[in-house]
Amino acid sequence: MGESPRVLLLGRPGCHLCDDARAVVAAVCAELGVRWAERSIDGDPELQRRYGEQIPVTFVDGAQHDFWRVGSDRLRRALTGGL
């Protein structure tokens, strides 16, 4: 199989902030050729407990990166090592 995605977006259907975050993540990852994935917290009680008040939440290389809003410049820096 392929590599794991470097960026993970946690959200839920119908969340307007998640829609905004998805657009930023998709654009930055496409620009940099980086894989990303999205996962809903709905149906997972542990994810709902941990992140229900913070969605959307983004992770870069397994570490929590941002929540509520995703900035394209900040995400790009995280993915390029600050270059």
N, C-alpha and C. Protein backbone atom coordinates (compact mmCIF):
# COMPACT_ATOMS: atom_id res chain seq x y z
N MET A 1 0.84 -1.18 0.00
CA MET A 1 0.00 0.00 0.00
C MET A 1 0.88 1.25 0.00
N GLY A 2 0.27 2.41 -0.15
CA GLY A 2 1.01 3.66 -0.20
C GLY A 2 1.36 4.17 1.18
N GLU A 3 1.98 5.31 1.18
CA GLU A 3 2.36 5.96 2.44
C GLU A 3 1.11 6.46 3.17
N SER A 4 1.26 6.62 4.48
CA SER A 4 0.18 7.22 5.26
C SER A 4 0.09 8.70 4.92
N PRO A 5 -1.09 9.26 4.99
CA PRO A 5 -1.21 10.70 4.72
C PRO A 5 -0.47 11.51 5.78
N ARG A 6 0.17 12.59 5.37
CA ARG A 6 0.88 13.46 6.31
C ARG A 6 -0.09 14.35 7.07
N VAL A 7 -1.23 14.66 6.47
CA VAL A 7 -2.20 15.55 7.09
C VAL A 7 -3.50 14.77 7.31
N LEU A 8 -4.03 14.90 8.52
CA LEU A 8 -5.33 14.32 8.86
C LEU A 8 -6.24 15.44 9.31
N LEU A 9 -7.42 15.49 8.75
CA LEU A 9 -8.43 16.47 9.13
C LEU A 9 -9.56 15.74 9.83
N LEU A 10 -9.81 16.09 11.08
CA LEU A 10 -10.96 15.55 11.82
C LEU A 10 -12.08 16.56 11.77
N GLY A 11 -13.27 16.10 11.47
CA GLY A 11 -14.42 17.00 11.41
C GLY A 11 -15.70 16.21 11.52
N ARG A 12 -16.76 16.81 10.99
CA ARG A 12 -18.05 16.12 10.94
C ARG A 12 -18.87 16.73 9.81
N PRO A 13 -19.78 15.96 9.26
CA PRO A 13 -20.64 16.47 8.19
C PRO A 13 -21.47 17.65 8.68
N GLY A 14 -21.67 18.63 7.79
CA GLY A 14 -22.51 19.77 8.11
C GLY A 14 -21.81 20.87 8.88
N CYS A 15 -20.51 20.74 9.09
CA CYS A 15 -19.73 21.73 9.85
C CYS A 15 -19.13 22.73 8.85
N HIS A 16 -19.54 24.00 8.92
CA HIS A 16 -19.04 24.98 7.94
C HIS A 16 -17.55 25.26 8.13
N LEU A 17 -17.06 25.23 9.38
CA LEU A 17 -15.63 25.41 9.59
C LEU A 17 -14.84 24.24 9.00
N CYS A 18 -15.43 23.04 9.06
CA CYS A 18 -14.79 21.87 8.46
C CYS A 18 -14.72 22.01 6.95
N ASP A 19 -15.76 22.56 6.35
CA ASP A 19 -15.75 22.80 4.91
C ASP A 19 -14.64 23.77 4.54
N ASP A 20 -14.49 24.84 5.32
CA ASP A 20 -13.43 25.82 5.08
C ASP A 20 -12.05 25.17 5.23
N ALA A 21 -11.88 24.39 6.30
CA ALA A 21 -10.60 23.73 6.55
C ALA A 21 -10.26 22.75 5.44
N ARG A 22 -11.26 22.01 4.98
CA ARG A 22 -11.05 21.03 3.91
C ARG A 22 -10.51 21.72 2.65
N ALA A 23 -11.07 22.88 2.32
CA ALA A 23 -10.61 23.60 1.13
C ALA A 23 -9.15 24.02 1.27
N VAL A 24 -8.77 24.52 2.45
CA VAL A 24 -7.39 24.94 2.68
C VAL A 24 -6.44 23.75 2.63
N VAL A 25 -6.79 22.68 3.34
CA VAL A 25 -5.95 21.49 3.38
C VAL A 25 -5.79 20.91 1.98
N ALA A 26 -6.89 20.80 1.25
CA ALA A 26 -6.82 20.23 -0.10
C ALA A 26 -5.92 21.06 -1.01
N ALA A 27 -6.05 22.39 -0.94
CA ALA A 27 -5.26 23.26 -1.81
C ALA A 27 -3.78 23.20 -1.47
N VAL A 28 -3.43 23.30 -0.19
CA VAL A 28 -2.02 23.29 0.22
C VAL A 28 -1.40 21.92 -0.07
N CYS A 29 -2.10 20.86 0.23
CA CYS A 29 -1.56 19.53 -0.01
C CYS A 29 -1.39 19.27 -1.50
N ALA A 30 -2.32 19.74 -2.32
CA ALA A 30 -2.17 19.57 -3.77
C ALA A 30 -0.96 20.36 -4.27
N GLU A 31 -0.80 21.56 -3.78
CA GLU A 31 0.34 22.41 -4.17
C GLU A 31 1.67 21.73 -3.85
N LEU A 32 1.74 21.08 -2.68
CA LEU A 32 2.99 20.48 -2.22
C LEU A 32 3.13 19.00 -2.56
N GLY A 33 2.09 18.41 -3.13
CA GLY A 33 2.14 16.99 -3.46
C GLY A 33 2.11 16.10 -2.23
N VAL A 34 1.37 16.54 -1.22
CA VAL A 34 1.30 15.84 0.07
C VAL A 34 -0.05 15.13 0.18
N ARG A 35 -0.01 13.89 0.67
CA ARG A 35 -1.26 13.14 0.88
C ARG A 35 -1.95 13.62 2.14
N TRP A 36 -3.29 13.63 2.09
CA TRP A 36 -4.07 13.98 3.26
C TRP A 36 -5.32 13.10 3.31
N ALA A 37 -5.93 13.02 4.49
CA ALA A 37 -7.14 12.23 4.68
C ALA A 37 -8.06 12.99 5.62
N GLU A 38 -9.31 12.62 5.55
CA GLU A 38 -10.31 13.23 6.42
C GLU A 38 -11.06 12.13 7.16
N ARG A 39 -11.38 12.41 8.39
CA ARG A 39 -12.12 11.43 9.21
C ARG A 39 -13.17 12.17 10.03
N SER A 40 -14.36 11.60 10.09
CA SER A 40 -15.43 12.18 10.89
C SER A 40 -15.31 11.69 12.33
N ILE A 41 -15.57 12.58 13.26
CA ILE A 41 -15.58 12.18 14.67
C ILE A 41 -16.90 11.52 15.04
N ASP A 42 -17.93 11.69 14.20
CA ASP A 42 -19.23 11.08 14.46
C ASP A 42 -19.08 9.57 14.47
N GLY A 43 -19.69 8.93 15.43
CA GLY A 43 -19.64 7.48 15.53
C GLY A 43 -18.44 6.95 16.29
N ASP A 44 -17.58 7.85 16.74
CA ASP A 44 -16.41 7.45 17.53
C ASP A 44 -16.44 8.22 18.85
N PRO A 45 -16.95 7.59 19.91
CA PRO A 45 -17.11 8.30 21.18
C PRO A 45 -15.81 8.92 21.72
N GLU A 46 -14.68 8.25 21.51
CA GLU A 46 -13.42 8.79 22.02
C GLU A 46 -13.02 10.06 21.26
N LEU A 47 -13.15 10.03 19.93
CA LEU A 47 -12.85 11.24 19.15
C LEU A 47 -13.82 12.37 19.49
N GLN A 48 -15.09 12.03 19.68
CA GLN A 48 -16.07 13.05 20.07
C GLN A 48 -15.71 13.66 21.42
N ARG A 49 -15.32 12.84 22.37
CA ARG A 49 -14.95 13.33 23.70
C ARG A 49 -13.73 14.24 23.62
N ARG A 50 -12.71 13.81 22.89
CA ARG A 50 -11.45 14.55 22.84
C ARG A 50 -11.51 15.80 21.99
N TYR A 51 -12.22 15.73 20.86
CA TYR A 51 -12.14 16.83 19.88
C TYR A 51 -13.48 17.48 19.53
N GLY A 52 -14.55 17.07 20.17
CA GLY A 52 -15.88 17.57 19.81
C GLY A 52 -16.03 19.07 19.86
N GLU A 53 -15.32 19.73 20.76
CA GLU A 53 -15.41 21.19 20.89
C GLU A 53 -14.36 21.92 20.07
N GLN A 54 -13.50 21.19 19.37
CA GLN A 54 -12.40 21.81 18.64
C GLN A 54 -12.49 21.65 17.13
N ILE A 55 -13.43 20.88 16.61
CA ILE A 55 -13.42 20.60 15.18
C ILE A 55 -13.59 21.87 14.37
N PRO A 56 -12.97 21.91 13.22
CA PRO A 56 -12.08 20.90 12.67
C PRO A 56 -10.72 20.92 13.36
N VAL A 57 -10.12 19.76 13.42
CA VAL A 57 -8.78 19.61 14.00
C VAL A 57 -7.89 19.04 12.92
N THR A 58 -6.71 19.62 12.77
CA THR A 58 -5.76 19.09 11.80
C THR A 58 -4.54 18.54 12.53
N PHE A 59 -4.00 17.47 11.97
CA PHE A 59 -2.78 16.84 12.45
C PHE A 59 -1.79 16.82 11.30
N VAL A 60 -0.53 17.09 11.59
CA VAL A 60 0.54 16.99 10.61
C VAL A 60 1.55 16.00 11.16
N ASP A 61 1.81 14.98 10.38
CA ASP A 61 2.75 13.92 10.78
C ASP A 61 2.42 13.36 12.16
N GLY A 62 1.12 13.22 12.45
CA GLY A 62 0.67 12.60 13.68
C GLY A 62 0.53 13.52 14.88
N ALA A 63 0.98 14.77 14.77
CA ALA A 63 0.89 15.72 15.89
C ALA A 63 -0.20 16.75 15.60
N GLN A 64 -0.97 17.08 16.65
CA GLN A 64 -2.02 18.08 16.45
C GLN A 64 -1.39 19.40 16.00
N HIS A 65 -1.96 19.95 14.94
CA HIS A 65 -1.42 21.16 14.32
C HIS A 65 -2.30 22.37 14.62
N ASP A 66 -3.57 22.29 14.32
CA ASP A 66 -4.49 23.42 14.47
C ASP A 66 -5.87 22.91 14.83
N PHE A 67 -6.73 23.84 15.27
CA PHE A 67 -8.14 23.53 15.42
C PHE A 67 -8.94 24.79 15.14
N TRP A 68 -10.21 24.60 14.84
CA TRP A 68 -11.18 25.63 14.42
C TRP A 68 -10.87 26.21 13.06
N ARG A 69 -9.73 26.81 12.88
CA ARG A 69 -9.38 27.43 11.59
C ARG A 69 -8.01 26.91 11.14
N VAL A 70 -7.86 26.73 9.84
CA VAL A 70 -6.60 26.27 9.28
C VAL A 70 -6.06 27.38 8.39
N GLY A 71 -4.86 27.85 8.71
CA GLY A 71 -4.22 28.87 7.91
C GLY A 71 -3.32 28.23 6.86
N SER A 72 -3.47 28.66 5.62
CA SER A 72 -2.67 28.04 4.55
C SER A 72 -1.18 28.27 4.74
N ASP A 73 -0.77 29.46 5.16
CA ASP A 73 0.66 29.73 5.35
C ASP A 73 1.23 28.88 6.48
N ARG A 74 0.50 28.78 7.57
CA ARG A 74 0.96 27.99 8.72
C ARG A 74 1.05 26.51 8.35
N LEU A 75 0.06 25.99 7.64
CA LEU A 75 0.09 24.60 7.23
C LEU A 75 1.25 24.35 6.26
N ARG A 76 1.43 25.24 5.32
CA ARG A 76 2.54 25.11 4.36
C ARG A 76 3.88 25.07 5.08
N ARG A 77 4.07 25.96 6.08
CA ARG A 77 5.33 25.96 6.85
C ARG A 77 5.52 24.65 7.59
N ALA A 78 4.47 24.12 8.17
CA ALA A 78 4.57 22.85 8.90
C ALA A 78 4.96 21.71 7.98
N LEU A 79 4.49 21.76 6.75
CA LEU A 79 4.77 20.68 5.80
C LEU A 79 6.11 20.82 5.10
N THR A 80 6.67 22.01 5.12
CA THR A 80 7.96 22.22 4.44
C THR A 80 9.09 22.45 5.40
N GLY A 81 8.84 22.25 6.67
CA GLY A 81 9.89 22.44 7.67
C GLY A 81 10.23 23.90 7.91
N GLY A 82 9.23 24.77 7.67
CA GLY A 82 9.42 26.19 7.94
C GLY A 82 10.14 26.95 6.86
N LEU A 83 10.35 26.34 5.71
CA LEU A 83 11.05 27.02 4.62
C LEU A 83 10.13 27.99 3.93
